[in-house]
Protein backbone atom coordinates (compact mmCIF):
# COMPACT_ATOMS: atom_id res chain seq x y z
CA MET A 1 -24.08 117.31 -207.44
CA ILE A 2 -25.04 118.53 -203.95
CA ILE A 3 -28.01 116.82 -202.33
CA PHE A 4 -29.71 117.84 -199.07
CA ASN A 5 -32.10 115.16 -197.85
CA ASN A 6 -34.43 116.31 -195.02
CA VAL A 7 -31.63 118.26 -193.34
CA SER A 8 -32.29 119.96 -190.00
CA LYS A 9 -29.88 121.90 -187.83
CA VAL A 10 -30.54 122.78 -184.18
CA TYR A 11 -27.81 124.62 -182.29
CA PRO A 12 -26.96 123.76 -178.66
CA ASN A 13 -28.87 126.83 -177.41
CA GLY A 14 -32.05 125.46 -179.00
CA THR A 15 -32.08 127.70 -182.07
CA VAL A 16 -33.60 125.87 -185.03
CA ALA A 17 -31.59 127.07 -188.02
CA LEU A 18 -32.88 124.69 -190.71
CA LYS A 19 -36.01 122.53 -190.82
CA ASN A 20 -36.23 119.47 -193.07
CA VAL A 21 -34.46 121.09 -196.01
CA SER A 22 -34.30 119.04 -199.21
CA LEU A 23 -32.69 120.33 -202.39
CA GLN A 24 -30.34 119.42 -205.24
CA ILE A 25 -27.71 121.64 -206.84
CA ALA A 26 -26.13 120.47 -210.09
CA GLN A 27 -22.48 120.99 -211.05
CA GLY A 28 -21.94 124.39 -212.65
CA GLU A 29 -24.98 126.16 -211.20
CA PHE A 30 -24.76 129.67 -209.76
CA VAL A 31 -27.14 129.72 -206.78
CA ALA A 32 -27.92 132.70 -204.55
CA ILE A 33 -29.44 132.15 -201.12
CA ILE A 34 -31.52 135.06 -199.84
CA GLY A 35 -33.51 135.81 -196.70
CA LEU A 36 -33.41 137.80 -193.49
CA SER A 37 -30.48 137.64 -191.09
CA GLY A 38 -30.94 134.54 -188.98
CA ALA A 39 -33.06 132.79 -191.61
CA GLY A 40 -30.53 129.95 -191.99
CA LYS A 41 -28.50 131.10 -195.01
CA SER A 42 -25.05 130.86 -193.41
CA THR A 43 -25.96 127.60 -191.71
CA LEU A 44 -26.74 126.01 -195.08
CA ILE A 45 -23.37 127.03 -196.49
CA LYS A 46 -21.43 125.90 -193.40
CA LEU A 47 -23.08 122.47 -193.53
CA ILE A 48 -21.78 121.90 -197.07
CA ASN A 49 -18.19 122.47 -195.94
CA LYS A 50 -18.85 120.65 -192.65
CA MET A 51 -17.84 123.65 -190.59
CA ILE A 52 -20.85 122.48 -188.58
CA SER A 53 -22.66 119.14 -188.61
CA VAL A 54 -26.28 118.30 -189.35
CA THR A 55 -28.66 117.47 -186.50
CA SER A 56 -30.68 115.14 -188.72
CA GLY A 57 -30.89 114.22 -192.39
CA SER A 58 -27.98 113.82 -194.78
CA ILE A 59 -25.87 115.77 -197.27
CA MET A 60 -24.20 114.22 -200.30
CA VAL A 61 -21.60 116.14 -202.33
CA ASN A 62 -20.23 114.49 -205.44
CA GLN A 63 -21.43 111.12 -204.12
CA GLU A 64 -19.74 111.55 -200.72
CA LYS A 65 -21.79 111.52 -197.52
CA VAL A 66 -20.54 114.67 -195.79
CA GLU A 67 -21.56 113.85 -192.20
CA GLY A 68 -19.48 110.67 -192.28
CA LEU A 69 -16.22 112.41 -193.20
CA ARG A 70 -13.43 112.55 -190.61
CA GLY A 71 -9.69 113.25 -190.43
CA LYS A 72 -7.81 112.84 -193.72
CA ASN A 73 -10.99 112.18 -195.68
CA LEU A 74 -12.54 115.41 -194.41
CA ARG A 75 -9.38 117.39 -195.25
CA ARG A 76 -9.30 115.88 -198.75
CA TYR A 77 -12.97 116.73 -199.25
CA ARG A 78 -12.51 120.35 -198.14
CA ARG A 79 -9.79 120.90 -200.73
CA LYS A 80 -12.49 120.66 -203.38
CA ILE A 81 -14.90 122.96 -201.53
CA GLY A 82 -13.58 126.51 -201.61
CA ILE A 83 -15.03 129.19 -199.36
CA VAL A 84 -14.88 132.98 -199.58
CA PHE A 85 -15.84 135.07 -196.55
CA GLN A 86 -17.03 138.65 -196.20
CA SER A 87 -13.96 139.47 -194.08
CA PHE A 88 -11.40 138.22 -196.68
CA ASN A 89 -9.33 136.34 -194.03
CA LEU A 90 -5.95 137.27 -195.51
CA ILE A 91 -2.57 137.35 -193.78
CA ASN A 92 -1.94 141.10 -193.98
CA ARG A 93 1.77 141.06 -193.24
CA THR A 94 2.72 138.90 -196.22
CA THR A 95 2.45 139.20 -199.99
CA VAL A 96 -0.57 138.56 -202.15
CA VAL A 97 0.99 135.52 -203.84
CA ARG A 98 1.91 134.02 -200.46
CA ASN A 99 -1.71 134.37 -199.40
CA VAL A 100 -2.80 132.47 -202.48
CA LEU A 101 -0.12 129.81 -201.98
CA ALA A 102 -1.50 129.17 -198.48
CA SER A 103 -4.27 127.16 -200.14
CA ARG A 104 -1.67 124.65 -201.38
CA VAL A 105 -0.34 123.76 -197.91
CA ALA A 106 -2.68 120.78 -197.54
CA ASP A 107 -0.97 119.07 -200.49
CA MET A 108 2.61 119.72 -199.31
CA ASN A 109 4.94 117.56 -197.24
CA ILE A 110 5.84 118.58 -193.68
CA VAL A 111 9.33 119.93 -194.51
CA SER A 112 8.06 122.13 -197.34
CA THR A 113 5.26 123.42 -195.12
CA LEU A 114 7.62 124.30 -192.25
CA PHE A 115 10.01 126.25 -194.47
CA GLY A 116 7.39 127.70 -196.82
CA VAL A 117 8.99 126.11 -199.88
CA TYR A 118 6.49 125.89 -202.72
CA SER A 119 6.93 123.91 -205.90
CA LYS A 120 7.21 125.63 -209.25
CA GLU A 121 3.85 124.11 -210.18
CA ASP A 122 2.19 125.63 -207.10
CA GLN A 123 3.74 129.02 -207.75
CA LEU A 124 2.52 129.01 -211.35
CA LEU A 125 -0.93 127.88 -210.17
CA ALA A 126 -1.07 130.80 -207.72
CA LEU A 127 -0.05 133.32 -210.38
CA GLU A 128 -2.58 131.87 -212.80
CA ALA A 129 -5.32 132.24 -210.19
CA LEU A 130 -4.37 135.89 -209.65
CA HIS A 131 -4.48 136.43 -213.41
CA LYS A 132 -7.99 134.97 -213.57
CA VAL A 133 -9.28 137.58 -211.12
CA GLY A 134 -7.37 140.43 -212.74
CA ILE A 135 -4.90 141.18 -209.97
CA LEU A 136 -1.66 139.56 -211.16
CA GLU A 137 0.22 142.87 -211.02
CA LYS A 138 -0.28 142.91 -207.22
CA ALA A 139 1.30 139.47 -206.70
CA TYR A 140 4.26 140.78 -204.67
CA THR A 141 2.44 143.55 -202.85
CA ARG A 142 1.62 143.14 -199.15
CA ALA A 143 -2.01 142.26 -198.61
CA ASP A 144 -2.57 145.15 -196.18
CA GLN A 145 -1.74 147.63 -198.96
CA LEU A 146 -4.73 146.58 -201.05
CA SER A 147 -8.24 148.00 -201.22
CA GLY A 148 -11.18 145.96 -199.97
CA GLY A 149 -12.14 144.89 -203.47
CA GLN A 150 -8.57 143.84 -204.25
CA GLN A 151 -8.40 141.84 -201.03
CA GLN A 152 -11.60 139.99 -201.93
CA ARG A 153 -10.09 139.18 -205.33
CA VAL A 154 -7.08 137.71 -203.55
CA ALA A 155 -9.41 135.62 -201.40
CA LEU A 156 -11.14 134.38 -204.55
CA ALA A 157 -7.79 133.59 -206.19
CA ARG A 158 -6.73 131.67 -203.08
CA THR A 159 -9.87 129.57 -203.40
CA LEU A 160 -9.29 129.02 -207.14
CA ALA A 161 -5.79 127.73 -206.40
CA GLN A 162 -7.42 124.84 -204.54
CA ARG A 163 -8.90 123.73 -207.89
CA PRO A 164 -12.35 123.43 -206.29
CA SER A 165 -15.48 121.96 -207.82
CA VAL A 166 -17.62 124.17 -205.56
CA ILE A 167 -17.12 127.70 -204.23
CA LEU A 168 -19.15 128.79 -201.21
CA ALA A 169 -19.43 132.55 -200.71
CA ASP A 170 -20.78 133.89 -197.41
CA GLU A 171 -21.87 137.52 -197.98
CA PRO A 172 -18.86 138.07 -200.31
CA VAL A 173 -19.64 141.71 -201.18
CA ALA A 174 -21.50 142.95 -198.10
CA SER A 175 -18.59 145.14 -196.94
CA LEU A 176 -17.83 146.65 -200.37
CA ASP A 177 -19.11 149.75 -202.15
CA PRO A 178 -21.65 149.22 -204.97
CA ILE A 179 -19.24 149.58 -207.91
CA THR A 180 -16.64 147.25 -206.39
CA ALA A 181 -19.34 144.77 -205.36
CA ASN A 182 -20.54 144.47 -208.93
CA GLN A 183 -16.98 143.97 -210.17
CA ILE A 184 -16.44 141.14 -207.67
CA MET A 185 -19.73 139.49 -208.57
CA LYS A 186 -18.73 139.63 -212.25
CA ASP A 187 -15.56 137.74 -211.27
CA PHE A 188 -17.65 135.07 -209.55
CA LYS A 189 -19.93 134.81 -212.57
CA ARG A 190 -17.07 134.56 -215.07
CA ILE A 191 -15.37 131.84 -213.02
CA ASN A 192 -18.66 129.98 -212.69
CA VAL A 193 -19.14 129.99 -216.47
CA ASP A 194 -15.54 129.56 -217.65
CA GLU A 195 -14.45 126.96 -215.09
CA ASN A 196 -17.83 125.17 -214.63
CA ILE A 197 -17.44 125.65 -210.87
CA THR A 198 -20.59 125.55 -208.79
CA VAL A 199 -21.06 128.85 -206.91
CA ILE A 200 -23.38 129.05 -203.91
CA ALA A 201 -23.55 132.57 -202.53
CA ASN A 202 -25.32 133.73 -199.38
CA MET A 203 -26.50 137.21 -200.45
CA HIS A 204 -27.92 140.03 -198.36
CA HIS A 205 -28.99 142.29 -201.21
CA VAL A 206 -31.75 140.98 -203.45
CA ASP A 207 -30.82 142.79 -206.65
CA MET A 208 -27.25 141.42 -206.60
CA ALA A 209 -28.64 137.91 -206.26
CA LEU A 210 -31.06 138.38 -209.15
CA LYS A 211 -28.46 140.02 -211.37
CA TYR A 212 -25.77 137.35 -211.15
CA ALA A 213 -27.34 134.05 -210.03
CA ASP A 214 -29.22 131.69 -212.31
CA ARG A 215 -31.17 130.20 -209.42
CA VAL A 216 -32.44 131.69 -206.18
CA ILE A 217 -33.22 129.85 -202.95
CA GLY A 218 -35.30 131.87 -200.51
CA ILE A 219 -35.17 130.87 -196.83
CA ASN A 220 -37.53 132.05 -194.09
CA LYS A 221 -37.13 130.80 -190.51
CA GLY A 222 -35.10 127.79 -191.57
CA GLU A 223 -37.44 126.64 -194.33
CA ILE A 224 -37.14 126.94 -198.10
CA VAL A 225 -40.05 129.06 -199.30
CA PHE A 226 -38.82 129.55 -202.87
CA ASP A 227 -36.42 127.65 -205.14
CA GLY A 228 -36.35 128.54 -208.80
CA PRO A 229 -34.93 130.71 -211.60
CA SER A 230 -33.98 134.25 -210.65
CA SER A 231 -36.23 135.46 -213.49
CA GLN A 232 -39.28 134.22 -211.56
CA VAL A 233 -38.61 136.25 -208.43
CA ASN A 234 -41.11 139.08 -208.05
CA GLU A 235 -42.34 141.40 -205.31
CA GLU A 236 -44.92 138.94 -203.99
CA LEU A 237 -42.33 136.17 -203.70
CA LEU A 238 -39.93 138.51 -201.92
CA LYS A 239 -42.64 139.33 -199.36
CA LYS A 240 -43.02 135.59 -198.76
CA ILE A 241 -39.26 135.07 -198.41
CA TYR A 242 -38.71 138.06 -196.12
CA GLY A 243 -42.05 137.93 -194.36
CA ARG A 244 -42.49 141.66 -194.85
CA GLU A 245 -42.23 144.49 -197.36
CA ILE A 246 -38.80 144.86 -198.99
CA THR A 247 -36.88 147.98 -197.94
CA ASP A 248 -34.14 150.02 -199.59
CA GLU A 249 -31.68 148.40 -197.20
CA ASP A 250 -32.49 145.04 -198.79
CA ILE A 251 -31.73 146.44 -202.25
CA MET A 252 -28.79 148.71 -201.51
CA PHE A 253 -27.18 148.32 -204.93
CA LYS A 254 -30.32 148.75 -207.08
CA ASP A 255 -29.10 151.84 -208.97
CA GLN A 256 -25.71 150.42 -209.97
């Protein structure tokens, strides 16, 4: 369970990113966050992983108060909160399986970390994660030889190898073509259902959010203006969320 209680975030330059946000997300939900650029979508995701800290209010994740976490406790917490970025963040000069194994470093001793010696259990876990996203055959290929969609699958496998209870996805398909984007979103959905992992995805394109998420949170100028089932989202609600008419750019993948 993720609980935001009157959370606000003001950046040092005075930008108010979130205003008194309160919400609850249950384990196993697939939630899409939509809104204009600068509405506060990425801020909300970063607060869950404590990449940034709240200005006021509190966040509880699985009964842990996030803003109070420091040092070892924060590192332990982050192992259960996977994150997938738009830019993949892979080490291009090494193999796919080594990229996935990088997620296991936090649980290794110093000697094993220095020499890159992974246990048999970790290696099997990495290969299993690659199998789950349908890219096992690329395990020993260099990451820079993969397509964009394949690289995002590796990033997802790396997150799965953490054995997370929550996966945060910040614009995970924004840089992909429509067909590949749908394939990646199907991977997220399957993992959400099969593994009962909570998925919270910051989405730019409305139709992708409505197609794959069970619940949509609409943010406008740092405030939640809609929170409900994706089936309830209509044109009038989208105008409220975006503060304007929806354009083709907002629904790039509508014909796929």
